[in-house]
């Protein structure tokens, strides 16, 4: 079984990646 600590960690990493992608996209759109 997967420890309960790993699941929130993966969710945090996914949200972090999505957040950085969302920040990067508007920067390239005006150009």
PDB file of N, CA and C in Angstrom:
ATOM      1  N   UNK A   1       0.832  -1.205   0.000  1.00  0.00           N
ATOM      2  CA  UNK A   1       0.000   0.000   0.000  1.00  0.00           C
ATOM      3  C   UNK A   1       0.872   1.263   0.000  1.00  0.00           C
ATOM      4  N   UNK A   2       0.351   2.296  -0.603  1.00  0.00           N
ATOM      5  CA  UNK A   2       1.098   3.557  -0.672  1.00  0.00           C
ATOM      6  C   UNK A   2       0.847   4.357   0.592  1.00  0.00           C
ATOM      7  N   UNK A   3       1.899   4.854   1.232  1.00  0.00           N
ATOM      8  CA  UNK A   3       1.719   5.691   2.435  1.00  0.00           C
ATOM      9  C   UNK A   3       0.869   6.918   2.129  1.00  0.00           C
ATOM     10  N   UNK A   4       0.178   7.407   3.150  1.00  0.00           N
ATOM     11  CA  UNK A   4      -0.711   8.557   2.948  1.00  0.00           C
ATOM     12  C   UNK A   4       0.061   9.848   2.682  1.00  0.00           C
ATOM     13  N   UNK A   5       1.384   9.815   2.853  1.00  0.00           N
ATOM     14  CA  UNK A   5       2.171  11.040   2.658  1.00  0.00           C
ATOM     15  C   UNK A   5       2.478  11.251   1.181  1.00  0.00           C
ATOM     16  N   UNK A   6       2.560  10.167   0.422  1.00  0.00           N
ATOM     17  CA  UNK A   6       2.982  10.279  -0.980  1.00  0.00           C
ATOM     18  C   UNK A   6       1.869  10.869  -1.845  1.00  0.00           C
ATOM     19  N   UNK A   7       0.623  10.520  -1.538  1.00  0.00           N
ATOM     20  CA  UNK A   7      -0.484  10.986  -2.386  1.00  0.00           C
ATOM     21  C   UNK A   7      -0.618  12.511  -2.377  1.00  0.00           C
ATOM     22  N   UNK A   8      -0.693  13.169  -1.201  1.00  0.00           N
ATOM     23  CA  UNK A   8      -0.763  14.641  -1.206  1.00  0.00           C
ATOM     24  C   UNK A   8       0.466  15.267  -1.857  1.00  0.00           C
ATOM     25  N   UNK A   9       1.615  14.594  -1.735  1.00  0.00           N
ATOM     26  CA  UNK A   9       2.835  15.128  -2.339  1.00  0.00           C
ATOM     27  C   UNK A   9       2.704  15.146  -3.858  1.00  0.00           C
ATOM     28  N   UNK A  10       2.191  14.061  -4.430  1.00  0.00           N
ATOM     29  CA  UNK A  10       2.002  14.005  -5.883  1.00  0.00           C
ATOM     30  C   UNK A  10       0.988  15.049  -6.328  1.00  0.00           C
ATOM     31  N   UNK A  11      -0.072  15.220  -5.542  1.00  0.00           N
ATOM     32  CA  UNK A  11      -1.087  16.221  -5.892  1.00  0.00           C
ATOM     33  C   UNK A  11      -0.482  17.618  -5.861  1.00  0.00           C
ATOM     34  N   UNK A  12       0.370  17.883  -4.861  1.00  0.00           N
ATOM     35  CA  UNK A  12       1.013  19.192  -4.755  1.00  0.00           C
ATOM     36  C   UNK A  12       1.914  19.444  -5.959  1.00  0.00           C
ATOM     37  N   UNK A  13       2.670  18.418  -6.371  1.00  0.00           N
ATOM     38  CA  UNK A  13       3.562  18.563  -7.528  1.00  0.00           C
ATOM     39  C   UNK A  13       2.745  18.808  -8.793  1.00  0.00           C
ATOM     40  N   UNK A  14       1.637  18.086  -8.952  1.00  0.00           N
ATOM     41  CA  UNK A  14       0.799  18.274 -10.137  1.00  0.00           C
ATOM     42  C   UNK A  14       0.236  19.692 -10.166  1.00  0.00           C
ATOM     43  N   UNK A  15      -0.266  20.166  -9.021  1.00  0.00           N
ATOM     44  CA  UNK A  15      -0.814  21.522  -8.971  1.00  0.00           C
ATOM     45  C   UNK A  15       0.273  22.552  -9.257  1.00  0.00           C
ATOM     46  N   UNK A  16       1.494  22.292  -8.759  1.00  0.00           N
ATOM     47  CA  UNK A  16       2.601  23.221  -8.996  1.00  0.00           C
ATOM     48  C   UNK A  16       2.926  23.293 -10.486  1.00  0.00           C
ATOM     49  N   UNK A  17       2.971  22.136 -11.150  1.00  0.00           N
ATOM     50  CA  UNK A  17       3.270  22.110 -12.585  1.00  0.00           C
ATOM     51  C   UNK A  17       2.170  22.814 -13.369  1.00  0.00           C
ATOM     52  N   UNK A  18       0.916  22.548 -13.008  1.00  0.00           N
ATOM     53  CA  UNK A  18      -0.203  23.198 -13.705  1.00  0.00           C
ATOM     54  C   UNK A  18      -0.153  24.708 -13.491  1.00  0.00           C
ATOM     55  N   UNK A  19       0.211  25.125 -12.283  1.00  0.00           N
ATOM     56  CA  UNK A  19       0.293  26.555 -11.986  1.00  0.00           C
ATOM     57  C   UNK A  19       1.374  27.241 -12.804  1.00  0.00           C
ATOM     58  N   UNK A  20       2.528  26.605 -12.921  1.00  0.00           N
ATOM     59  CA  UNK A  20       3.619  27.199 -13.689  1.00  0.00           C
ATOM     60  C   UNK A  20       3.252  27.252 -15.165  1.00  0.00           C
ATOM     61  N   UNK A  21       2.582  26.227 -15.662  1.00  0.00           N
ATOM     62  CA  UNK A  21       2.162  26.224 -17.066  1.00  0.00           C
ATOM     63  C   UNK A  21       1.142  27.332 -17.298  1.00  0.00           C
ATOM     64  N   UNK A  22       0.208  27.509 -16.365  1.00  0.00           N
ATOM     65  CA  UNK A  22      -0.820  28.547 -16.506  1.00  0.00           C
ATOM     66  C   UNK A  22      -0.180  29.932 -16.480  1.00  0.00           C
ATOM     67  N   UNK A  23       0.895  30.090 -15.696  1.00  0.00           N
ATOM     68  CA  UNK A  23       1.585  31.388 -15.643  1.00  0.00           C
ATOM     69  C   UNK A  23       2.379  31.626 -16.922  1.00  0.00           C
ATOM     70  N   UNK A  24       2.951  30.565 -17.493  1.00  0.00           N
ATOM     71  CA  UNK A  24       3.819  30.721 -18.660  1.00  0.00           C
ATOM     72  C   UNK A  24       2.997  30.983 -19.922  1.00  0.00           C
ATOM     73  N   UNK A  25       1.806  30.395 -20.018  1.00  0.00           N
ATOM     74  CA  UNK A  25       1.015  30.533 -21.244  1.00  0.00           C
ATOM     75  C   UNK A  25       0.636  31.983 -21.545  1.00  0.00           C
ATOM     76  N   UNK A  26       0.089  32.759 -20.583  1.00  0.00           N
ATOM     77  CA  UNK A  26      -0.291  34.143 -20.899  1.00  0.00           C
ATOM     78  C   UNK A  26       0.897  34.999 -21.317  1.00  0.00           C
ATOM     79  N   UNK A  27       2.113  34.643 -20.884  1.00  0.00           N
ATOM     80  CA  UNK A  27       3.280  35.447 -21.246  1.00  0.00           C
ATOM     81  C   UNK A  27       3.596  35.307 -22.727  1.00  0.00           C
ATOM     82  N   UNK A  28       3.338  34.117 -23.282  1.00  0.00           N
ATOM     83  CA  UNK A  28       3.688  33.897 -24.688  1.00  0.00           C
ATOM     84  C   UNK A  28       2.561  34.332 -25.621  1.00  0.00           C
ATOM     85  N   UNK A  29       1.337  34.441 -25.126  1.00  0.00           N
ATOM     86  CA  UNK A  29       0.209  34.776 -25.994  1.00  0.00           C
ATOM     87  C   UNK A  29       0.317  36.173 -26.626  1.00  0.00           C
ATOM     88  N   UNK A  30       0.671  37.223 -25.859  1.00  0.00           N
ATOM     89  CA  UNK A  30       0.765  38.558 -26.474  1.00  0.00           C
ATOM     90  C   UNK A  30       1.815  38.607 -27.574  1.00  0.00           C
ATOM     91  N   UNK A  31       2.886  37.826 -27.440  1.00  0.00           N
ATOM     92  CA  UNK A  31       3.928  37.827 -28.461  1.00  0.00           C
ATOM     93  C   UNK A  31       3.464  37.003 -29.672  1.00  0.00           C
TER      94      UNK A  31
END
